[in-house]
């Protein structure tokens, strides 16, 4: 683990004077804040922010990390790649994603692959995948109608995980989720993400080579994911070499990844590079979107006015049919609901960075080798930038509501050169699903069900999300 040891250091400030270290959160001897982070990292960092301000030091055993909790400081960190880079080879996410765009710290390699991948994820390219997304969405509506009676209790999180995994499977491989379940399943995603997050926050994790039950389970999961992914890549390459067409329909994401070429060398991506981007896309397009949709339905259930408004919008535009691509632009409030859910419950609440050289941040010395945790959960609740930050208000994301806002006050997809390449994919997927499901169902929170967020790599509901699903009736809401 690349780390800064827990000794106070100083670096020259812009004025030439030595800058002090950031204030340090209280912790236990030796362990520091390890136990607090393991119990609830967001709560621990929220308390540190309230006690000490926008830049706080935390000791995790021998490791020191800095929590960053303001748009101003976060913008500085995320846009200055020369001073703040991605975590190095010890980044636990690399155990899952390899050297994909999300994890690669080799700037030249990252730039090469980003340039090649960018055309795949433009708005125009993503629009060609709408039909695949729509098919999965229609199947989800049919599945729920066949499985649940009106008023039945539904785990909305589980259902959102199901449909978003199917969407990514169709867009990536032109096949539904049942064909990929042996490799990439919700259960496999759970094992992998929880494993990586535990290693990210726990400096005492055993080496991956040790034959512990958890290490063995993680390795089994990754073996299944890799065998499936490499197998499909090999089949596609062989078919292309043999001149065999995959069939009708637009190219899927894997087709496009295999076809991209470096503008300077004419070379494509290796099997390993394609594999890494495939797995990265599954993570970005599946769990993160599912989680935010879950929170969106939960938030709507607690705000009758917002619920009625999004229902009225969807009913007016859609009547009794599924959304088309053109319909999305006519349903802006539905997208505002999703964006406000992303503010309150950012799907990836913490963005880690590595300090590459001694620097001063927010008037405090931060030595090279330090880890920074950019805390989007805190930033999205910063009182300088948000009025009544805990209140659910989708109008914050209306054209009028966004005027004058700090550009880094809301950044669920990151910022700077490493802005999430799949942003347009996620927004179109979520907009479609939210509108289609609001048209057919009203989800109501089950009062006895405890709702607690759980921060890992993503921000999940710890106990799922039990809600009653009420089929909407009437001229416009009828199935």
Protein backbone atom coordinates (compact mmCIF):
# COMPACT_ATOMS: atom_id res chain seq x y z
CA UNK A 1 0.00 0.00 0.00
CA UNK A 2 1.39 3.35 -1.05
CA UNK A 3 0.99 5.52 2.02
CA UNK A 4 2.14 8.45 4.03
CA UNK A 5 3.16 7.59 7.57
CA UNK A 6 1.46 9.43 10.39
CA UNK A 7 3.92 12.21 11.07
CA UNK A 8 3.19 15.90 10.62
CA UNK A 9 4.96 17.47 7.66
CA UNK A 10 4.98 20.87 6.07
CA UNK A 11 5.47 22.19 2.56
CA UNK A 12 5.98 25.71 1.31
CA UNK A 13 2.77 27.65 0.77
CA UNK A 14 2.40 29.94 -2.25
CA UNK A 15 3.66 32.79 -0.05
CA UNK A 16 6.84 30.85 0.76
CA UNK A 17 5.95 30.17 4.39
CA UNK A 18 5.62 26.62 5.65
CA UNK A 19 2.01 25.42 5.43
CA UNK A 20 0.63 23.44 8.36
CA UNK A 21 -0.70 19.91 8.07
CA UNK A 22 -4.45 19.51 7.87
CA UNK A 23 -6.32 19.01 11.17
CA UNK A 24 -6.52 15.39 12.23
CA UNK A 25 -9.67 13.52 13.22
CA UNK A 26 -9.65 11.86 16.61
CA UNK A 27 -8.86 8.17 16.64
CA UNK A 28 -7.58 5.30 18.73
CA UNK A 29 -3.90 4.75 19.53
CA UNK A 30 -2.19 2.74 16.78
CA UNK A 31 -5.44 2.03 14.90
CA UNK A 32 -6.49 5.64 14.41
CA UNK A 33 -9.81 5.74 12.52
CA UNK A 34 -9.66 2.20 11.12
CA UNK A 35 -12.60 0.92 13.15
CA UNK A 36 -14.70 4.01 12.42
CA UNK A 37 -14.02 3.66 8.69
CA UNK A 38 -14.88 -0.03 8.72
CA UNK A 39 -18.11 0.61 10.61
CA UNK A 40 -19.29 3.48 8.39
CA UNK A 41 -16.75 5.39 6.33
CA UNK A 42 -19.23 8.08 5.27
CA UNK A 43 -20.36 8.73 8.82
CA UNK A 44 -16.75 8.91 10.03
CA UNK A 45 -15.77 11.32 7.26
CA UNK A 46 -18.94 13.38 7.72
CA UNK A 47 -18.13 13.81 11.40
CA UNK A 48 -14.54 14.74 10.58
CA UNK A 49 -15.80 17.33 8.11
CA UNK A 50 -18.17 18.83 10.67
CA UNK A 51 -15.46 18.95 13.32
CA UNK A 52 -12.50 20.13 11.27
CA UNK A 53 -13.55 21.54 7.91
CA UNK A 54 -13.07 20.75 4.25
CA UNK A 55 -9.67 19.03 4.48
CA UNK A 56 -9.12 16.48 7.26
CA UNK A 57 -6.39 13.95 8.04
CA UNK A 58 -7.36 10.43 9.10
CA UNK A 59 -4.99 7.79 10.43
CA UNK A 60 -5.71 4.25 9.28
CA UNK A 61 -3.10 2.35 11.25
CA UNK A 62 0.22 3.38 9.70
CA UNK A 63 -1.53 5.03 6.75
CA UNK A 64 -2.67 8.65 6.57
CA UNK A 65 -5.41 9.73 4.18
CA UNK A 66 -6.95 13.15 3.63
CA UNK A 67 -10.68 13.69 3.24
CA UNK A 68 -11.65 16.40 0.72
CA UNK A 69 -15.15 17.81 1.22
CA UNK A 70 -15.61 21.03 -0.74
CA UNK A 71 -16.27 21.71 -4.43
CA UNK A 72 -13.37 24.15 -4.55
CA UNK A 73 -10.76 21.69 -3.26
CA UNK A 74 -12.25 18.77 -5.18
CA UNK A 75 -12.08 20.74 -8.41
CA UNK A 76 -8.42 21.48 -7.79
CA UNK A 77 -7.69 17.81 -7.15
CA UNK A 78 -9.66 16.35 -10.04
CA UNK A 79 -8.43 18.76 -12.71
CA UNK A 80 -4.70 18.78 -11.87
CA UNK A 81 -3.42 15.44 -13.18
CA UNK A 82 0.19 16.49 -12.75
CA UNK A 83 -0.21 16.76 -8.96
CA UNK A 84 -3.03 14.33 -8.21
CA UNK A 85 -3.13 10.99 -9.98
CA UNK A 86 -4.98 7.73 -9.69
CA UNK A 87 -3.91 5.18 -7.11
CA UNK A 88 -0.93 3.07 -8.12
CA UNK A 89 -0.52 -0.68 -8.64
CA UNK A 90 -1.86 -1.42 -5.15
CA UNK A 91 -5.33 -0.05 -6.01
CA UNK A 92 -7.67 -2.92 -5.00
CA UNK A 93 -10.03 -2.11 -7.87
CA UNK A 94 -7.31 -3.27 -10.24
CA UNK A 95 -7.90 -6.79 -8.98
CA UNK A 96 -11.28 -6.53 -10.73
CA UNK A 97 -10.92 -3.93 -13.49
CA UNK A 98 -7.27 -4.39 -14.42
CA UNK A 99 -5.89 -1.42 -16.36
CA UNK A 100 -9.22 -0.08 -17.57
CA UNK A 101 -9.98 3.62 -17.94
CA UNK A 102 -11.23 3.82 -14.37
CA UNK A 103 -8.06 2.44 -12.78
CA UNK A 104 -5.09 2.95 -15.11
CA UNK A 105 -2.44 5.24 -13.63
CA UNK A 106 -0.21 5.14 -16.71
CA UNK A 107 -1.12 8.49 -18.25
CA UNK A 108 0.11 7.71 -21.78
CA UNK A 109 -1.67 4.36 -21.87
CA UNK A 110 -4.80 5.92 -20.40
CA UNK A 111 -4.77 8.74 -22.98
CA UNK A 112 -4.34 6.26 -25.84
CA UNK A 113 -7.24 4.09 -24.73
CA UNK A 114 -9.45 7.07 -23.85
CA UNK A 115 -8.98 8.48 -27.35
CA UNK A 116 -9.86 5.14 -28.89
CA UNK A 117 -12.87 4.54 -26.65
CA UNK A 118 -14.34 8.05 -26.75
CA UNK A 119 -16.24 7.63 -30.06
CA UNK A 120 -18.02 4.58 -28.63
CA UNK A 121 -19.58 6.62 -25.84
CA UNK A 122 -20.71 9.80 -27.58
CA UNK A 123 -24.39 10.73 -27.31
CA UNK A 124 -24.88 9.75 -30.94
CA UNK A 125 -23.28 6.33 -30.49
CA UNK A 126 -25.18 5.62 -27.28
CA UNK A 127 -28.46 6.56 -28.96
CA UNK A 128 -28.03 3.54 -31.25
CA UNK A 129 -28.32 1.32 -28.17
CA UNK A 130 -31.71 2.68 -27.17
CA UNK A 131 -33.60 -0.24 -28.72
CA UNK A 132 -31.57 -2.75 -26.71
CA UNK A 133 -32.22 -0.78 -23.53
CA UNK A 134 -35.91 -0.54 -24.39
CA UNK A 135 -36.22 -4.29 -24.93
CA UNK A 136 -34.72 -4.99 -21.51
CA UNK A 137 -36.99 -2.37 -19.94
CA UNK A 138 -40.12 -3.84 -21.54
CA UNK A 139 -39.09 -7.29 -20.35
CA UNK A 140 -38.65 -5.94 -16.82
CA UNK A 141 -42.14 -4.43 -16.83
CA UNK A 142 -43.55 -7.74 -18.08
CA UNK A 143 -41.55 -9.68 -15.48
CA UNK A 144 -42.92 -7.56 -12.65
CA UNK A 145 -46.49 -7.83 -13.94
CA UNK A 146 -46.17 -11.62 -14.05
CA UNK A 147 -44.42 -11.92 -10.68
CA UNK A 148 -46.18 -9.45 -8.40
CA UNK A 149 -49.77 -8.52 -7.69
CA UNK A 150 -50.57 -4.88 -7.07
CA UNK A 151 -49.56 -4.03 -3.51
CA UNK A 152 -47.03 -6.85 -3.16
CA UNK A 153 -43.74 -6.12 -1.43
CA UNK A 154 -40.85 -5.85 -3.87
CA UNK A 155 -37.13 -5.47 -3.23
CA UNK A 156 -36.68 -2.57 -5.61
CA UNK A 157 -32.89 -2.72 -5.35
CA UNK A 158 -32.88 -6.35 -6.43
CA UNK A 159 -35.19 -5.60 -9.36
CA UNK A 160 -33.09 -2.65 -10.50
CA UNK A 161 -29.93 -4.76 -10.32
CA UNK A 162 -31.67 -7.36 -12.45
CA UNK A 163 -32.77 -5.04 -15.23
CA UNK A 164 -29.61 -2.92 -15.44
CA UNK A 165 -27.47 -6.06 -15.68
CA UNK A 166 -29.68 -7.22 -18.53
CA UNK A 167 -29.33 -3.85 -20.27
CA UNK A 168 -25.55 -3.91 -20.08
CA UNK A 169 -25.48 -7.54 -21.26
CA UNK A 170 -27.57 -6.66 -24.31
CA UNK A 171 -25.60 -3.52 -25.12
CA UNK A 172 -22.24 -5.22 -24.60
CA UNK A 173 -22.80 -8.72 -26.01
CA UNK A 174 -26.17 -8.58 -27.81
CA UNK A 175 -27.47 -11.22 -25.43
CA UNK A 176 -29.63 -11.18 -22.33
CA UNK A 177 -28.42 -11.61 -18.77
CA UNK A 178 -29.27 -15.32 -18.63
CA UNK A 179 -26.50 -15.99 -21.15
CA UNK A 180 -23.88 -14.25 -18.99
CA UNK A 181 -25.08 -15.27 -15.53
CA UNK A 182 -22.43 -17.99 -15.12
CA UNK A 183 -19.74 -15.31 -15.27
CA UNK A 184 -21.18 -11.91 -14.40
CA UNK A 185 -24.09 -12.08 -11.97
CA UNK A 186 -25.33 -9.75 -9.21
CA UNK A 187 -23.84 -12.17 -6.70
CA UNK A 188 -20.44 -12.08 -8.40
CA UNK A 189 -20.54 -8.28 -8.49
CA UNK A 190 -21.30 -8.22 -4.76
CA UNK A 191 -18.36 -10.46 -3.90
CA UNK A 192 -15.91 -8.51 -6.06
CA UNK A 193 -16.92 -5.00 -4.96
CA UNK A 194 -17.05 -5.82 -1.25
CA UNK A 195 -13.65 -7.49 -1.46
CA UNK A 196 -12.03 -4.51 -3.18
CA UNK A 197 -13.57 -1.98 -0.83
CA UNK A 198 -12.47 -3.86 2.27
CA UNK A 199 -8.90 -3.82 0.98
CA UNK A 200 -9.16 -0.13 0.10
CA UNK A 201 -10.05 0.95 3.64
CA UNK A 202 -8.27 -1.72 5.70
CA UNK A 203 -4.45 -1.52 5.78
CA UNK A 204 -4.34 -4.83 7.64
CA UNK A 205 -5.92 -6.94 4.87
CA UNK A 206 -4.01 -10.21 4.30
CA UNK A 207 -2.05 -10.54 1.04
CA UNK A 208 -4.15 -11.75 -1.87
CA UNK A 209 -1.91 -14.82 -2.21
CA UNK A 210 -2.84 -16.15 1.21
CA UNK A 211 -5.34 -19.05 0.97
CA UNK A 212 -8.01 -17.44 3.15
CA UNK A 213 -11.67 -18.32 2.48
CA UNK A 214 -12.38 -14.78 1.30
CA UNK A 215 -9.38 -14.71 -1.03
CA UNK A 216 -10.37 -18.06 -2.50
CA UNK A 217 -13.97 -16.96 -3.04
CA UNK A 218 -12.84 -13.76 -4.76
CA UNK A 219 -10.47 -15.70 -7.01
CA UNK A 220 -13.26 -18.13 -7.95
CA UNK A 221 -15.54 -15.24 -8.89
CA UNK A 222 -12.87 -13.54 -10.98
CA UNK A 223 -12.02 -16.81 -12.72
CA UNK A 224 -15.65 -17.15 -13.79
CA UNK A 225 -15.82 -13.55 -14.99
CA UNK A 226 -12.58 -13.86 -16.95
CA UNK A 227 -13.42 -17.21 -18.54
CA UNK A 228 -16.73 -15.86 -19.81
CA UNK A 229 -15.31 -12.54 -21.02
CA UNK A 230 -12.23 -13.92 -22.74
CA UNK A 231 -14.36 -16.68 -24.28
CA UNK A 232 -16.72 -14.19 -25.90
CA UNK A 233 -13.81 -12.03 -27.08
CA UNK A 234 -12.17 -15.07 -28.69
CA UNK A 235 -15.43 -16.05 -30.42
CA UNK A 236 -15.86 -12.56 -31.84
CA UNK A 237 -12.27 -12.36 -33.08
CA UNK A 238 -12.56 -15.77 -34.74
CA UNK A 239 -15.86 -14.86 -36.38
CA UNK A 240 -14.34 -11.65 -37.72
CA UNK A 241 -11.30 -13.52 -39.05
CA UNK A 242 -13.60 -16.06 -40.75
CA UNK A 243 -15.75 -13.32 -42.23
CA UNK A 244 -18.80 -14.45 -40.28
CA UNK A 245 -21.30 -11.71 -39.49
CA UNK A 246 -22.77 -11.56 -35.99
CA UNK A 247 -26.21 -10.97 -37.44
CA UNK A 248 -28.67 -8.14 -37.83
CA UNK A 249 -28.80 -5.02 -35.74
CA UNK A 250 -26.30 -2.28 -34.93
CA UNK A 251 -22.86 -3.19 -33.60
CA UNK A 252 -22.77 -3.76 -29.87
CA UNK A 253 -20.20 -2.32 -27.48
CA UNK A 254 -17.90 -5.32 -27.83
CA UNK A 255 -17.96 -5.05 -31.63
CA UNK A 256 -16.92 -1.42 -31.36
CA UNK A 257 -14.19 -2.14 -28.81
CA UNK A 258 -12.71 -4.78 -31.09
CA UNK A 259 -12.86 -2.42 -34.08
CA UNK A 260 -11.25 0.70 -32.56
CA UNK A 261 -7.77 1.63 -33.73
CA UNK A 262 -5.11 3.99 -32.47
CA UNK A 263 -4.98 6.96 -34.84
CA UNK A 264 -1.17 7.09 -34.69
CA UNK A 265 -0.22 3.40 -34.93
CA UNK A 266 -3.29 1.76 -36.44
CA UNK A 267 -3.19 -0.84 -33.66
CA UNK A 268 -6.26 -2.05 -31.83
CA UNK A 269 -6.66 -3.09 -28.23
CA UNK A 270 -5.28 -6.36 -26.91
CA UNK A 271 -7.57 -9.03 -25.47
CA UNK A 272 -6.53 -7.94 -22.00
CA UNK A 273 -7.34 -4.28 -22.71
CA UNK A 274 -10.73 -5.22 -24.15
CA UNK A 275 -11.44 -7.44 -21.16
CA UNK A 276 -10.62 -4.60 -18.75
CA UNK A 277 -12.95 -2.17 -20.54
CA UNK A 278 -15.74 -4.75 -20.72
CA UNK A 279 -15.62 -5.34 -16.96
CA UNK A 280 -15.34 -1.59 -16.28
CA UNK A 281 -18.44 -0.97 -18.40
CA UNK A 282 -20.38 -3.67 -16.58
CA UNK A 283 -19.55 -1.99 -13.29
CA UNK A 284 -20.32 1.54 -14.47
CA UNK A 285 -23.49 0.71 -16.39
CA UNK A 286 -24.98 -1.84 -14.03
CA UNK A 287 -24.67 -1.41 -10.30
CA UNK A 288 -24.25 2.35 -10.12
CA UNK A 289 -27.39 3.01 -12.17
CA UNK A 290 -29.38 0.35 -10.29
CA UNK A 291 -28.46 1.87 -6.95
CA UNK A 292 -29.40 5.42 -7.91
CA UNK A 293 -32.73 4.29 -9.37
CA UNK A 294 -33.43 2.51 -6.09
CA UNK A 295 -32.75 5.68 -4.13
CA UNK A 296 -34.84 7.69 -6.60
CA UNK A 297 -37.92 5.54 -6.03
CA UNK A 298 -37.35 5.69 -2.28
CA UNK A 299 -37.08 9.49 -2.35
CA UNK A 300 -40.19 9.82 -4.50
CA UNK A 301 -42.14 7.69 -2.03
CA UNK A 302 -41.41 10.28 0.66
CA UNK A 303 -42.39 13.31 -1.42
CA UNK A 304 -45.96 13.19 -2.67
CA UNK A 305 -45.65 16.40 -4.65
CA UNK A 306 -42.64 15.18 -6.61
CA UNK A 307 -44.32 11.80 -7.13
CA UNK A 308 -47.44 13.36 -8.62
CA UNK A 309 -45.42 15.70 -10.80
CA UNK A 310 -43.32 12.97 -12.39
CA UNK A 311 -46.42 10.80 -12.84
CA UNK A 312 -48.26 13.64 -14.56
CA UNK A 313 -45.30 14.30 -16.85
CA UNK A 314 -44.92 10.65 -17.82
CA UNK A 315 -48.67 10.18 -18.31
CA UNK A 316 -48.92 13.28 -20.50
CA UNK A 317 -46.06 12.21 -22.77
CA UNK A 318 -46.49 8.43 -22.88
CA UNK A 319 -50.12 7.63 -22.25
CA UNK A 320 -50.17 3.83 -22.24
CA UNK A 321 -47.03 3.11 -24.28
CA UNK A 322 -43.33 2.61 -23.69
CA UNK A 323 -40.97 5.58 -24.09
CA UNK A 324 -39.24 6.22 -27.39
CA UNK A 325 -35.88 7.91 -27.74
CA UNK A 326 -37.63 11.14 -28.75
CA UNK A 327 -39.87 11.03 -25.66
CA UNK A 328 -36.98 11.44 -23.24
CA UNK A 329 -36.44 15.10 -24.11
CA UNK A 330 -40.12 15.75 -23.34
CA UNK A 331 -39.77 14.33 -19.80
CA UNK A 332 -37.16 16.59 -18.16
CA UNK A 333 -38.55 16.27 -14.65
CA UNK A 334 -37.99 12.50 -14.66
CA UNK A 335 -34.31 13.13 -15.37
CA UNK A 336 -34.21 15.83 -12.67
CA UNK A 337 -35.48 13.24 -10.18
CA UNK A 338 -32.58 10.96 -11.08
CA UNK A 339 -30.04 13.78 -10.86
CA UNK A 340 -31.30 14.83 -7.44
CA UNK A 341 -31.07 11.20 -6.29
CA UNK A 342 -27.47 11.23 -7.54
CA UNK A 343 -26.83 14.32 -5.44
CA UNK A 344 -28.19 12.87 -2.21
CA UNK A 345 -26.90 9.35 -2.81
CA UNK A 346 -23.95 9.52 -5.23
CA UNK A 347 -23.54 5.99 -6.56
CA UNK A 348 -19.75 6.12 -6.15
CA UNK A 349 -19.46 8.44 -3.12
CA UNK A 350 -15.68 8.52 -2.75
CA UNK A 351 -13.11 9.25 -5.45
CA UNK A 352 -9.57 8.26 -4.38
CA UNK A 353 -6.49 10.07 -5.62
CA UNK A 354 -2.75 9.80 -5.00
CA UNK A 355 -0.63 12.91 -4.39
CA UNK A 356 2.26 12.75 -6.86
CA UNK A 357 4.38 15.58 -5.44
CA UNK A 358 4.50 17.71 -2.30
CA UNK A 359 1.78 20.32 -2.53
CA UNK A 360 -0.44 22.72 -0.61
CA UNK A 361 -4.18 22.14 -0.71
CA UNK A 362 -6.62 24.46 1.03
CA UNK A 363 -3.73 26.14 2.86
CA UNK A 364 -2.46 22.82 4.24
CA UNK A 365 0.63 20.82 3.42
CA UNK A 366 -0.02 17.49 1.72
CA UNK A 367 3.12 15.42 1.05
CA UNK A 368 3.78 13.26 -1.99
CA UNK A 369 2.49 9.72 -1.54
CA UNK A 370 -0.57 10.81 0.41
CA UNK A 371 -3.96 9.42 -0.45
CA UNK A 372 -6.89 11.74 -0.91
CA UNK A 373 -10.52 10.70 -0.62
CA UNK A 374 -12.71 13.17 -2.49
CA UNK A 375 -16.01 12.81 -0.65
CA UNK A 376 -18.92 13.44 -3.02
CA UNK A 377 -21.44 12.64 -0.28
CA UNK A 378 -20.21 15.65 1.71
CA UNK A 379 -19.67 17.88 -1.30
CA UNK A 380 -23.23 17.31 -2.50
CA UNK A 381 -24.44 18.49 0.92
CA UNK A 382 -22.17 21.50 1.34
CA UNK A 383 -24.18 24.37 2.85
CA UNK A 384 -22.24 27.00 0.92
CA UNK A 385 -23.61 25.54 -2.29
CA UNK A 386 -26.91 23.88 -1.42
CA UNK A 387 -29.93 25.36 0.38
CA UNK A 388 -31.44 22.82 2.77
CA UNK A 389 -29.04 20.17 1.47
CA UNK A 390 -30.86 17.20 3.03
CA UNK A 391 -34.15 18.07 1.30
CA UNK A 392 -35.14 16.16 -1.85
CA UNK A 393 -35.87 18.77 -4.52
CA UNK A 394 -35.58 17.78 -8.21
CA UNK A 395 -36.06 21.42 -9.22
CA UNK A 396 -32.44 22.00 -8.24
CA UNK A 397 -31.68 20.51 -11.67
CA UNK A 398 -34.10 22.56 -13.73
CA UNK A 399 -32.40 25.06 -16.06
CA UNK A 400 -33.24 27.83 -13.59
CA UNK A 401 -32.14 25.79 -10.57
CA UNK A 402 -28.69 25.12 -12.05
CA UNK A 403 -27.89 28.77 -12.74
CA UNK A 404 -24.87 30.08 -10.87
CA UNK A 405 -23.98 26.76 -9.26
CA UNK A 406 -20.31 25.97 -8.69
CA UNK A 407 -19.22 23.62 -11.46
CA UNK A 408 -17.93 21.06 -8.96
CA UNK A 409 -20.82 21.23 -6.48
CA UNK A 410 -22.48 18.29 -8.25
CA UNK A 411 -20.21 15.77 -9.93
CA UNK A 412 -21.54 12.22 -9.57
CA UNK A 413 -19.64 11.25 -12.72
CA UNK A 414 -16.39 12.82 -11.57
CA UNK A 415 -14.77 15.84 -13.18
CA UNK A 416 -11.78 16.96 -15.19
CA UNK A 417 -9.98 14.76 -17.71
CA UNK A 418 -11.21 11.61 -15.95
CA UNK A 419 -14.91 12.45 -16.25
CA UNK A 420 -16.78 9.15 -16.54
CA UNK A 421 -16.79 8.11 -20.19
CA UNK A 422 -20.08 6.24 -19.70
CA UNK A 423 -22.05 9.24 -18.42
CA UNK A 424 -24.37 9.43 -21.44
CA UNK A 425 -25.01 5.67 -21.30
CA UNK A 426 -25.98 5.84 -17.63
CA UNK A 427 -28.24 8.88 -18.02
CA UNK A 428 -30.15 7.46 -21.00
CA UNK A 429 -30.52 4.09 -19.28
CA UNK A 430 -31.79 5.66 -16.05
CA UNK A 431 -34.12 8.13 -17.79
CA UNK A 432 -35.75 5.34 -19.78
CA UNK A 433 -36.16 3.01 -16.81
CA UNK A 434 -37.50 5.68 -14.48
CA UNK A 435 -40.13 6.85 -16.97
CA UNK A 436 -41.21 3.33 -17.95
CA UNK A 437 -41.57 2.16 -14.36
CA UNK A 438 -43.33 5.32 -13.15
CA UNK A 439 -45.84 4.79 -15.97
CA UNK A 440 -46.76 1.35 -14.62
CA UNK A 441 -46.09 1.42 -10.87
CA UNK A 442 -46.12 3.59 -7.81
CA UNK A 443 -43.56 2.33 -5.31
CA UNK A 444 -44.26 3.04 -1.63
CA UNK A 445 -41.77 2.52 1.16
CA UNK A 446 -42.67 -0.20 3.66
CA UNK A 447 -42.60 1.66 7.02
CA UNK A 448 -41.22 -1.32 8.93
CA UNK A 449 -38.30 -1.67 6.52
CA UNK A 450 -35.13 -0.04 7.80
CA UNK A 451 -33.38 2.12 5.22
CA UNK A 452 -29.67 2.65 5.87
CA UNK A 453 -27.04 3.46 3.29
CA UNK A 454 -23.94 1.29 3.10
CA UNK A 455 -20.83 2.73 1.53
CA UNK A 456 -18.52 0.34 -0.27
CA UNK A 457 -17.17 1.24 -3.69
CA UNK A 458 -20.81 2.17 -4.28
CA UNK A 459 -23.54 3.54 -2.01
CA UNK A 460 -26.10 0.79 -1.55
CA UNK A 461 -29.10 0.39 0.72
CA UNK A 462 -27.69 -1.94 3.38
CA UNK A 463 -30.84 -4.03 3.76
CA UNK A 464 -32.16 -3.76 0.23
CA UNK A 465 -35.22 -1.62 -0.46
CA UNK A 466 -38.57 -3.20 0.42
CA UNK A 467 -41.40 -1.25 -1.21
CA UNK A 468 -44.94 -2.08 -2.19
CA UNK A 469 -45.50 -1.94 -5.95
CA UNK A 470 -48.93 -0.55 -6.79
CA UNK A 471 -50.06 -0.96 -10.37
CA UNK A 472 -51.22 2.42 -11.61
CA UNK A 473 -54.81 2.52 -12.85
CA UNK A 474 -56.83 5.00 -14.83
CA UNK A 475 -56.90 6.21 -18.39
CA UNK A 476 -53.21 6.96 -18.56
CA UNK A 477 -51.61 4.80 -15.87
CA UNK A 478 -53.36 1.55 -16.77
CA UNK A 479 -51.21 -1.41 -17.82
